[in-house]
Amino acid sequence: MENKMTIRSLEFGVESCFEVQSNKIGIYLLLAFISLTFLGISYLALSAIDEKEFSSVLIIMILLFFLVGLPTRYLLWNVYGKELLVISKRSVSWCHDYGWVRTKWKTAVFSELILEVLEVRKVDEVEQYSIAFLDVDKETGLPVLIYETSVDISKKDYSKFKTVLQAALNPDVATPYEFTFSLN
């Protein structure tokens, strides 16, 4: 499924939201895994408490965190996930919204913003991309990665994003050229 993107110009920059669109079958399978794992670990915890083996309870709680907590976070991301970005003339701010929980806003300041589109994968013959925000190192003149989006978007959405960003921030800030960049 293709993720959704909304973008709007603000007085001081651009605000965008990248929304995750996940496969429903995968969501149901993940929910079934979490439920069965939770029931199994709960049974182990109750049997350990009945036998008064309290040292085992700590191990069970750690298992509960890794086998239920992390997949639950992944499930929330796939059901409610949104990546929020605010780009101004000198900074990029972002946070991730899991529906019930939102991460703290993080901000990176830049001197010269360069956008790079990175091909991530193909889904149903549609190429999906992530956007890398780069700054130029003052000493070396080389690009430095500020942030890379975690939600993939189509090439069409990337073009729309870049156009709105350049119009809002002036062409001298959002550089009109593409820069070849590798994460290797």
C-alpha atoms as a PDB file:
ATOM      1  CA  MET A   1       0.000   0.000   0.000  1.00  0.00           C
ATOM      2  CA  GLU A   2       1.192   3.506  -0.744  1.00  0.00           C
ATOM      3  CA  ASN A   3       1.827   5.763   2.239  1.00  0.00           C
ATOM      4  CA  LYS A   4       0.086   9.137   2.402  1.00  0.00           C
ATOM      5  CA  MET A   5       1.755  12.528   2.542  1.00  0.00           C
ATOM      6  CA  THR A   6       0.256  15.896   3.415  1.00  0.00           C
ATOM      7  CA  ILE A   7       2.210  19.134   3.246  1.00  0.00           C
ATOM      8  CA  ARG A   8       1.356  22.762   3.822  1.00  0.00           C
ATOM      9  CA  SER A   9       3.222  26.025   3.804  1.00  0.00           C
ATOM     10  CA  LEU A  10       3.445  27.969   7.023  1.00  0.00           C
ATOM     11  CA  GLU A  11       4.501  31.536   7.660  1.00  0.00           C
ATOM     12  CA  PHE A  12       7.955  30.379   8.765  1.00  0.00           C
ATOM     13  CA  GLY A  13       8.411  27.223   6.664  1.00  0.00           C
ATOM     14  CA  VAL A  14       6.702  23.943   5.839  1.00  0.00           C
ATOM     15  CA  GLU A  15       4.807  21.365   7.868  1.00  0.00           C
ATOM     16  CA  SER A  16       4.401  17.836   6.533  1.00  0.00           C
ATOM     17  CA  CYS A  17       2.927  14.566   7.713  1.00  0.00           C
ATOM     18  CA  PHE A  18       3.872  11.161   6.325  1.00  0.00           C
ATOM     19  CA  GLU A  19       1.264   8.547   7.249  1.00  0.00           C
ATOM     20  CA  VAL A  20       1.929   4.797   7.227  1.00  0.00           C
ATOM     21  CA  GLN A  21      -0.470   2.643   5.193  1.00  0.00           C
ATOM     22  CA  SER A  22       0.112  -0.997   6.176  1.00  0.00           C
ATOM     23  CA  ASN A  23      -1.206  -4.302   4.908  1.00  0.00           C
ATOM     24  CA  LYS A  24      -4.183  -5.399   7.053  1.00  0.00           C
ATOM     25  CA  ILE A  25      -3.182  -9.081   6.968  1.00  0.00           C
ATOM     26  CA  GLY A  26       0.231  -8.240   8.436  1.00  0.00           C
ATOM     27  CA  ILE A  27      -1.416  -6.197  11.188  1.00  0.00           C
ATOM     28  CA  TYR A  28      -3.727  -9.087  12.126  1.00  0.00           C
ATOM     29  CA  LEU A  29      -0.843 -11.586  12.125  1.00  0.00           C
ATOM     30  CA  LEU A  30       1.220  -9.315  14.362  1.00  0.00           C
ATOM     31  CA  LEU A  31      -1.744  -8.839  16.709  1.00  0.00           C
ATOM     32  CA  ALA A  32      -2.221 -12.634  16.904  1.00  0.00           C
ATOM     33  CA  PHE A  33       1.505 -13.103  17.662  1.00  0.00           C
ATOM     34  CA  ILE A  34       1.413 -10.490  20.439  1.00  0.00           C
ATOM     35  CA  SER A  35      -1.749 -11.998  21.962  1.00  0.00           C
ATOM     36  CA  LEU A  36      -0.434 -15.571  21.950  1.00  0.00           C
ATOM     37  CA  THR A  37       2.956 -14.484  23.305  1.00  0.00           C
ATOM     38  CA  PHE A  38       1.323 -12.460  26.064  1.00  0.00           C
ATOM     39  CA  LEU A  39      -0.874 -15.396  27.079  1.00  0.00           C
ATOM     40  CA  GLY A  40       2.103 -17.779  27.095  1.00  0.00           C
ATOM     41  CA  ILE A  41       4.311 -15.491  29.151  1.00  0.00           C
ATOM     42  CA  SER A  42       1.434 -14.738  31.549  1.00  0.00           C
ATOM     43  CA  TYR A  43       0.994 -18.472  32.109  1.00  0.00           C
ATOM     44  CA  LEU A  44       4.732 -18.826  32.839  1.00  0.00           C
ATOM     45  CA  ALA A  45       4.609 -15.882  35.262  1.00  0.00           C
ATOM     46  CA  LEU A  46       1.610 -17.269  37.140  1.00  0.00           C
ATOM     47  CA  SER A  47       3.188 -20.719  37.444  1.00  0.00           C
ATOM     48  CA  ALA A  48       6.460 -19.178  38.705  1.00  0.00           C
ATOM     49  CA  ILE A  49       4.576 -17.155  41.329  1.00  0.00           C
ATOM     50  CA  ASP A  50       2.666 -20.262  42.477  1.00  0.00           C
ATOM     51  CA  GLU A  51       5.966 -22.085  42.972  1.00  0.00           C
ATOM     52  CA  LYS A  52       7.407 -19.025  44.776  1.00  0.00           C
ATOM     53  CA  GLU A  53      10.281 -18.700  42.287  1.00  0.00           C
ATOM     54  CA  PHE A  54      10.513 -14.936  42.305  1.00  0.00           C
ATOM     55  CA  SER A  55      13.883 -14.872  40.529  1.00  0.00           C
ATOM     56  CA  SER A  56      12.154 -16.382  37.500  1.00  0.00           C
ATOM     57  CA  VAL A  57       9.632 -13.563  37.471  1.00  0.00           C
ATOM     58  CA  LEU A  58      12.370 -11.042  36.572  1.00  0.00           C
ATOM     59  CA  ILE A  59      13.413 -13.136  33.578  1.00  0.00           C
ATOM     60  CA  ILE A  60       9.782 -13.471  32.556  1.00  0.00           C
ATOM     61  CA  MET A  61       9.291  -9.695  32.775  1.00  0.00           C
ATOM     62  CA  ILE A  62      12.311  -9.136  30.520  1.00  0.00           C
ATOM     63  CA  LEU A  63      10.892 -11.676  28.057  1.00  0.00           C
ATOM     64  CA  LEU A  64       7.544  -9.895  28.248  1.00  0.00           C
ATOM     65  CA  PHE A  65       9.189  -6.597  27.296  1.00  0.00           C
ATOM     66  CA  PHE A  66      11.066  -7.990  24.297  1.00  0.00           C
ATOM     67  CA  LEU A  67       8.470 -10.440  23.010  1.00  0.00           C
ATOM     68  CA  VAL A  68       5.388  -8.275  23.621  1.00  0.00           C
ATOM     69  CA  GLY A  69       6.518  -4.668  24.197  1.00  0.00           C
ATOM     70  CA  LEU A  70       8.600  -4.161  21.061  1.00  0.00           C
ATOM     71  CA  PRO A  71       6.117  -5.881  18.707  1.00  0.00           C
ATOM     72  CA  THR A  72       3.341  -3.779  20.287  1.00  0.00           C
ATOM     73  CA  ARG A  73       5.266  -0.613  19.420  1.00  0.00           C
ATOM     74  CA  TYR A  74       5.683  -1.940  15.873  1.00  0.00           C
ATOM     75  CA  LEU A  75       1.940  -2.717  15.735  1.00  0.00           C
ATOM     76  CA  LEU A  76       1.023   0.800  16.893  1.00  0.00           C
ATOM     77  CA  TRP A  77       3.335   2.245  14.223  1.00  0.00           C
ATOM     78  CA  ASN A  78       1.731   0.149  11.488  1.00  0.00           C
ATOM     79  CA  VAL A  79      -1.806   1.031  12.594  1.00  0.00           C
ATOM     80  CA  TYR A  80      -1.464   4.698  13.618  1.00  0.00           C
ATOM     81  CA  GLY A  81       2.048   5.679  12.487  1.00  0.00           C
ATOM     82  CA  LYS A  82       2.740   9.220  11.367  1.00  0.00           C
ATOM     83  CA  GLU A  83       6.010  11.017  10.879  1.00  0.00           C
ATOM     84  CA  LEU A  84       5.679  14.763  11.446  1.00  0.00           C
ATOM     85  CA  LEU A  85       8.209  17.222  10.004  1.00  0.00           C
ATOM     86  CA  VAL A  86       8.545  20.967  10.348  1.00  0.00           C
ATOM     87  CA  ILE A  87      11.157  22.610   8.150  1.00  0.00           C
ATOM     88  CA  SER A  88      12.062  26.255   8.644  1.00  0.00           C
ATOM     89  CA  LYS A  89      14.760  28.383   6.999  1.00  0.00           C
ATOM     90  CA  ARG A  90      17.447  27.141   9.414  1.00  0.00           C
ATOM     91  CA  SER A  91      16.192  23.909  11.044  1.00  0.00           C
ATOM     92  CA  VAL A  92      14.445  20.579  10.550  1.00  0.00           C
ATOM     93  CA  SER A  93      12.256  19.252  13.380  1.00  0.00           C
ATOM     94  CA  TRP A  94      10.606  15.840  13.524  1.00  0.00           C
ATOM     95  CA  CYS A  95       8.666  13.473  15.747  1.00  0.00           C
ATOM     96  CA  HIS A  96       6.944  10.112  15.364  1.00  0.00           C
ATOM     97  CA  ASP A  97       3.293   9.673  16.333  1.00  0.00           C
ATOM     98  CA  TYR A  98       2.253   6.144  17.351  1.00  0.00           C
ATOM     99  CA  GLY A  99      -1.402   7.047  17.905  1.00  0.00           C
ATOM    100  CA  TRP A 100      -1.402   6.773  21.693  1.00  0.00           C
ATOM    101  CA  VAL A 101       2.197   7.857  22.158  1.00  0.00           C
ATOM    102  CA  ARG A 102       4.256  10.554  20.473  1.00  0.00           C
ATOM    103  CA  THR A 103       8.027  10.898  20.648  1.00  0.00           C
ATOM    104  CA  LYS A 104       9.624  14.164  21.711  1.00  0.00           C
ATOM    105  CA  TRP A 105      10.334  16.682  18.953  1.00  0.00           C
ATOM    106  CA  LYS A 106      13.954  16.652  17.818  1.00  0.00           C
ATOM    107  CA  THR A 107      15.551  19.543  15.944  1.00  0.00           C
ATOM    108  CA  ALA A 108      18.654  19.822  13.795  1.00  0.00           C
ATOM    109  CA  VAL A 109      20.009  23.180  12.647  1.00  0.00           C
ATOM    110  CA  PHE A 110      21.585  23.500   9.195  1.00  0.00           C
ATOM    111  CA  SER A 111      23.514  26.143   7.277  1.00  0.00           C
ATOM    112  CA  GLU A 112      22.583  24.920   3.777  1.00  0.00           C
ATOM    113  CA  LEU A 113      19.780  22.401   3.240  1.00  0.00           C
ATOM    114  CA  ILE A 114      20.151  19.760   0.538  1.00  0.00           C
ATOM    115  CA  LEU A 115      17.415  17.229  -0.191  1.00  0.00           C
ATOM    116  CA  GLU A 116      18.290  13.796  -1.476  1.00  0.00           C
ATOM    117  CA  VAL A 117      15.836  11.142  -2.526  1.00  0.00           C
ATOM    118  CA  LEU A 118      16.903   7.584  -1.697  1.00  0.00           C
ATOM    119  CA  GLU A 119      15.206   4.641  -3.427  1.00  0.00           C
ATOM    120  CA  VAL A 120      14.207   2.211  -0.724  1.00  0.00           C
ATOM    121  CA  ARG A 121      12.156  -0.505  -2.422  1.00  0.00           C
ATOM    122  CA  LYS A 122       9.513  -1.361  -4.992  1.00  0.00           C
ATOM    123  CA  VAL A 123       5.985  -2.261  -3.914  1.00  0.00           C
ATOM    124  CA  ASP A 124       3.654  -3.493  -6.665  1.00  0.00           C
ATOM    125  CA  GLU A 125       6.038  -2.028  -9.277  1.00  0.00           C
ATOM    126  CA  VAL A 126       5.807   1.398  -7.579  1.00  0.00           C
ATOM    127  CA  GLU A 127       9.124   2.773  -6.381  1.00  0.00           C
ATOM    128  CA  GLN A 128       9.159   3.964  -2.773  1.00  0.00           C
ATOM    129  CA  TYR A 129      11.619   6.604  -1.575  1.00  0.00           C
ATOM    130  CA  SER A 130      12.804   8.140   1.647  1.00  0.00           C
ATOM    131  CA  ILE A 131      13.965  11.743   1.890  1.00  0.00           C
ATOM    132  CA  ALA A 132      17.398  12.540   3.289  1.00  0.00           C
ATOM    133  CA  PHE A 133      18.019  16.032   4.670  1.00  0.00           C
ATOM    134  CA  LEU A 134      21.666  16.984   4.338  1.00  0.00           C
ATOM    135  CA  ASP A 135      23.745  19.903   5.511  1.00  0.00           C
ATOM    136  CA  VAL A 136      27.122  20.992   4.148  1.00  0.00           C
ATOM    137  CA  ASP A 137      30.064  20.691   6.533  1.00  0.00           C
ATOM    138  CA  LYS A 138      31.737  24.110   6.832  1.00  0.00           C
ATOM    139  CA  GLU A 139      35.273  22.706   7.018  1.00  0.00           C
ATOM    140  CA  THR A 140      35.201  20.029   4.319  1.00  0.00           C
ATOM    141  CA  GLY A 141      32.296  21.118   2.120  1.00  0.00           C
ATOM    142  CA  LEU A 142      30.965  17.552   2.189  1.00  0.00           C
ATOM    143  CA  PRO A 143      27.350  16.626   2.876  1.00  0.00           C
ATOM    144  CA  VAL A 144      26.375  15.561   6.394  1.00  0.00           C
ATOM    145  CA  LEU A 145      23.171  13.613   7.016  1.00  0.00           C
ATOM    146  CA  ILE A 146      20.808  15.534   9.327  1.00  0.00           C
ATOM    147  CA  TYR A 147      17.751  13.302   9.120  1.00  0.00           C
ATOM    148  CA  GLU A 148      16.198  10.628   6.923  1.00  0.00           C
ATOM    149  CA  THR A 149      12.471   9.974   6.851  1.00  0.00           C
ATOM    150  CA  SER A 150      11.319   6.562   8.039  1.00  0.00           C
ATOM    151  CA  VAL A 151       8.072   6.558   6.050  1.00  0.00           C
ATOM    152  CA  ASP A 152       8.573   5.847   2.355  1.00  0.00           C
ATOM    153  CA  ILE A 153       6.780   7.936  -0.278  1.00  0.00           C
ATOM    154  CA  SER A 154       6.302   7.830  -4.039  1.00  0.00           C
ATOM    155  CA  LYS A 155       8.372   9.853  -6.497  1.00  0.00           C
ATOM    156  CA  LYS A 156       5.304  11.989  -7.219  1.00  0.00           C
ATOM    157  CA  ASP A 157       4.912  12.849  -3.520  1.00  0.00           C
ATOM    158  CA  TYR A 158       8.629  13.628  -3.290  1.00  0.00           C
ATOM    159  CA  SER A 159       8.346  16.046  -6.234  1.00  0.00           C
ATOM    160  CA  LYS A 160       5.383  17.750  -4.574  1.00  0.00           C
ATOM    161  CA  PHE A 161       7.262  17.923  -1.257  1.00  0.00           C
ATOM    162  CA  LYS A 162      10.343  19.457  -2.885  1.00  0.00           C
ATOM    163  CA  THR A 163       8.302  21.995  -4.873  1.00  0.00           C
ATOM    164  CA  VAL A 164       6.358  23.223  -1.830  1.00  0.00           C
ATOM    165  CA  LEU A 165       9.530  23.338   0.259  1.00  0.00           C
ATOM    166  CA  GLN A 166      11.451  25.376  -2.315  1.00  0.00           C
ATOM    167  CA  ALA A 167       8.554  27.793  -2.770  1.00  0.00           C
ATOM    168  CA  ALA A 168       8.229  28.294   0.996  1.00  0.00           C
ATOM    169  CA  LEU A 169      11.910  28.583   1.900  1.00  0.00           C
ATOM    170  CA  ASN A 170      13.316  30.365  -1.166  1.00  0.00           C
ATOM    171  CA  PRO A 171      15.540  28.683  -3.724  1.00  0.00           C
ATOM    172  CA  ASP A 172      18.745  29.718  -1.963  1.00  0.00           C
ATOM    173  CA  VAL A 173      17.926  27.593   1.108  1.00  0.00           C
ATOM    174  CA  ALA A 174      16.431  24.461  -0.460  1.00  0.00           C
ATOM    175  CA  THR A 175      19.117  23.861  -3.049  1.00  0.00           C
ATOM    176  CA  PRO A 176      17.660  23.083  -6.491  1.00  0.00           C
ATOM    177  CA  TYR A 177      20.320  20.528  -7.427  1.00  0.00           C
ATOM    178  CA  GLU A 178      20.351  16.852  -6.567  1.00  0.00           C
ATOM    179  CA  PHE A 179      23.361  15.602  -4.662  1.00  0.00           C
ATOM    180  CA  THR A 180      24.509  12.004  -4.996  1.00  0.00           C
ATOM    181  CA  PHE A 181      24.792  10.562  -1.522  1.00  0.00           C
ATOM    182  CA  SER A 182      25.426   7.022  -0.301  1.00  0.00           C
ATOM    183  CA  LEU A 183      24.866   5.691   3.218  1.00  0.00           C
ATOM    184  CA  ASN A 184      27.627   3.092   2.713  1.00  0.00           C
END
